[in-house]
Amino acid sequence: MKHLRFILITAALILCVSWQAQAAGVKVIANPSVKTDSISTGDLRSVFLEDSDSLAGSHVEPVLAKGGPAHEAFLKDYLGKSDPALQAFYRSLVFTGKGSMPKALASDADVVAYVARTKGAIGYVSSTASTDGVKTLEVK
């Protein structure tokens, strides 16, 4: 009986941990006009830090989430910046005339809708978000 209870508790903990890991994950999405199905982490960083405005021959426009677990995970995993550091970075680009502030949207649904209707848009959403109308890019 104790052995069975131990197994059940262990299984429940594993499910909770795997659910939390998936919930914190992100999907990188793009408008169907973007001519690639995958992106390297270096290219992803380059696009979102405005070092590059093209991907596989397509003009791209980065789109951010305003906050939340997917935003934090994206910043940590792909950009290596905190939100305040990223905002300061974008403000410095605007101030020096070298770039502009990317569009920032409030929810996964808003990001998906904007990316779906905006040629060249690339963004990210939580791993559980519906991505109808956009393509999900594999990050390599």
Protein backbone atom coordinates (compact mmCIF):
# COMPACT_ATOMS: atom_id res chain seq x y z
CA MET A 1 0.00 0.00 0.00
CA LYS A 2 2.83 2.42 0.87
CA HIS A 3 4.57 1.52 -2.38
CA LEU A 4 1.44 2.31 -4.43
CA ARG A 5 0.95 5.63 -2.65
CA PHE A 6 4.60 6.55 -3.31
CA ILE A 7 4.17 5.76 -7.01
CA LEU A 8 0.97 7.84 -7.25
CA ILE A 9 2.54 10.82 -5.49
CA THR A 10 5.65 10.60 -7.68
CA ALA A 11 3.51 10.44 -10.84
CA ALA A 12 1.48 13.46 -9.73
CA LEU A 13 4.63 15.48 -9.07
CA ILE A 14 6.07 14.56 -12.47
CA LEU A 15 2.85 15.66 -14.18
CA CYS A 16 2.86 18.98 -12.32
CA VAL A 17 6.48 19.68 -13.18
CA SER A 18 6.03 18.79 -16.86
CA TRP A 19 2.87 20.94 -17.07
CA GLN A 20 4.72 23.92 -15.56
CA ALA A 21 7.62 23.46 -17.97
CA GLN A 22 5.23 23.40 -20.94
CA ALA A 23 3.27 26.39 -19.63
CA ALA A 24 6.44 28.47 -19.41
CA GLY A 25 7.49 27.48 -22.96
CA VAL A 26 7.00 29.54 -26.08
CA LYS A 27 6.18 29.03 -29.73
CA VAL A 28 7.78 31.35 -32.27
CA ILE A 29 5.22 32.29 -34.91
CA ALA A 30 5.38 34.09 -38.23
CA ASN A 31 3.09 35.44 -40.90
CA PRO A 32 2.70 32.90 -43.73
CA SER A 33 4.59 35.33 -46.03
CA VAL A 34 7.84 34.55 -44.18
CA LYS A 35 9.68 32.09 -46.43
CA THR A 36 11.10 29.75 -43.81
CA ASP A 37 9.80 27.11 -41.43
CA SER A 38 12.70 27.31 -38.96
CA ILE A 39 14.95 29.89 -37.36
CA SER A 40 18.24 29.65 -35.51
CA THR A 41 18.51 31.15 -32.06
CA GLY A 42 21.10 33.57 -33.46
CA ASP A 43 18.76 34.76 -36.21
CA LEU A 44 15.92 35.05 -33.72
CA ARG A 45 18.08 37.20 -31.47
CA SER A 46 19.21 39.28 -34.44
CA VAL A 47 15.64 39.96 -35.57
CA PHE A 48 14.35 40.89 -32.11
CA LEU A 49 17.38 43.06 -31.29
CA GLU A 50 16.94 44.78 -34.67
CA ASP A 51 20.36 43.79 -36.03
CA SER A 52 18.55 42.29 -39.03
CA ASP A 53 15.21 42.96 -40.69
CA SER A 54 15.19 39.95 -42.99
CA LEU A 55 14.93 36.22 -42.62
CA ALA A 56 15.43 33.78 -45.51
CA GLY A 57 14.96 36.64 -47.97
CA SER A 58 11.75 37.88 -46.32
CA HIS A 59 11.42 41.27 -44.62
CA VAL A 60 10.45 40.64 -40.98
CA GLU A 61 8.99 42.77 -38.22
CA PRO A 62 9.34 41.64 -34.59
CA VAL A 63 6.25 41.66 -32.38
CA LEU A 64 6.47 41.45 -28.58
CA ALA A 65 4.12 40.44 -25.82
CA LYS A 66 3.73 43.11 -23.11
CA GLY A 67 4.38 40.64 -20.31
CA GLY A 68 3.53 37.27 -18.85
CA PRO A 69 5.26 33.89 -18.58
CA ALA A 70 5.79 33.45 -22.34
CA HIS A 71 7.38 36.91 -22.58
CA GLU A 72 9.69 36.23 -19.64
CA ALA A 73 10.66 32.81 -21.02
CA PHE A 74 11.33 34.27 -24.49
CA LEU A 75 13.54 37.03 -23.08
CA LYS A 76 15.47 34.60 -20.88
CA ASP A 77 15.83 31.76 -23.38
CA TYR A 78 16.46 33.68 -26.60
CA LEU A 79 17.48 37.28 -25.88
CA GLY A 80 19.29 36.95 -22.58
CA LYS A 81 17.74 40.18 -21.30
CA SER A 82 15.28 41.23 -18.65
CA ASP A 83 12.22 43.24 -19.70
CA PRO A 84 13.60 46.53 -18.28
CA ALA A 85 16.92 45.94 -20.08
CA LEU A 86 15.11 45.20 -23.35
CA GLN A 87 12.97 48.33 -23.04
CA ALA A 88 16.09 50.42 -22.34
CA PHE A 89 17.77 48.86 -25.37
CA TYR A 90 14.83 49.77 -27.64
CA ARG A 91 14.66 53.30 -26.20
CA SER A 92 18.35 53.78 -27.02
CA LEU A 93 17.71 52.67 -30.62
CA VAL A 94 14.86 55.16 -30.92
CA PHE A 95 16.85 57.98 -29.28
CA THR A 96 19.82 57.49 -31.62
CA GLY A 97 17.62 57.05 -34.71
CA LYS A 98 18.90 53.51 -35.30
CA GLY A 99 15.63 51.70 -34.78
CA SER A 100 12.09 51.82 -33.52
CA MET A 101 10.03 50.28 -30.77
CA PRO A 102 8.48 47.00 -31.88
CA LYS A 103 4.75 46.51 -31.59
CA ALA A 104 3.89 45.16 -28.11
CA LEU A 105 0.56 43.42 -27.58
CA ALA A 106 -1.33 42.43 -24.46
CA SER A 107 -2.25 38.79 -25.08
CA ASP A 108 -1.35 35.68 -27.05
CA ALA A 109 -4.56 36.11 -29.07
CA ASP A 110 -3.58 39.70 -29.94
CA VAL A 111 -0.09 38.59 -31.02
CA VAL A 112 -1.50 35.77 -33.19
CA ALA A 113 -4.08 38.09 -34.80
CA TYR A 114 -1.49 40.80 -35.54
CA VAL A 115 1.05 38.32 -36.94
CA ALA A 116 -1.65 36.67 -39.07
CA ARG A 117 -2.65 39.95 -40.74
CA THR A 118 0.78 41.66 -40.97
CA LYS A 119 3.10 40.62 -43.78
CA GLY A 120 6.53 39.69 -42.40
CA ALA A 121 5.48 39.79 -38.74
CA ILE A 122 7.27 37.41 -36.36
CA GLY A 123 6.37 36.98 -32.70
CA TYR A 124 5.99 34.48 -29.90
CA VAL A 125 3.19 33.08 -27.78
CA SER A 126 2.84 30.56 -25.00
CA SER A 127 3.24 26.94 -26.02
CA THR A 128 -0.45 26.29 -25.34
CA ALA A 129 -1.81 29.19 -27.44
CA SER A 130 -3.89 28.59 -30.55
CA THR A 131 -1.90 29.60 -33.64
CA ASP A 132 -4.56 29.45 -36.36
CA GLY A 133 -3.65 31.63 -39.34
CA VAL A 134 0.10 31.75 -38.66
CA LYS A 135 3.00 29.36 -39.06
CA THR A 136 4.99 28.05 -36.12
CA LEU A 137 8.74 28.26 -36.68
CA GLU A 138 11.01 25.54 -35.39
CA VAL A 139 13.81 27.12 -33.34
CA LYS A 140 17.14 25.39 -33.96
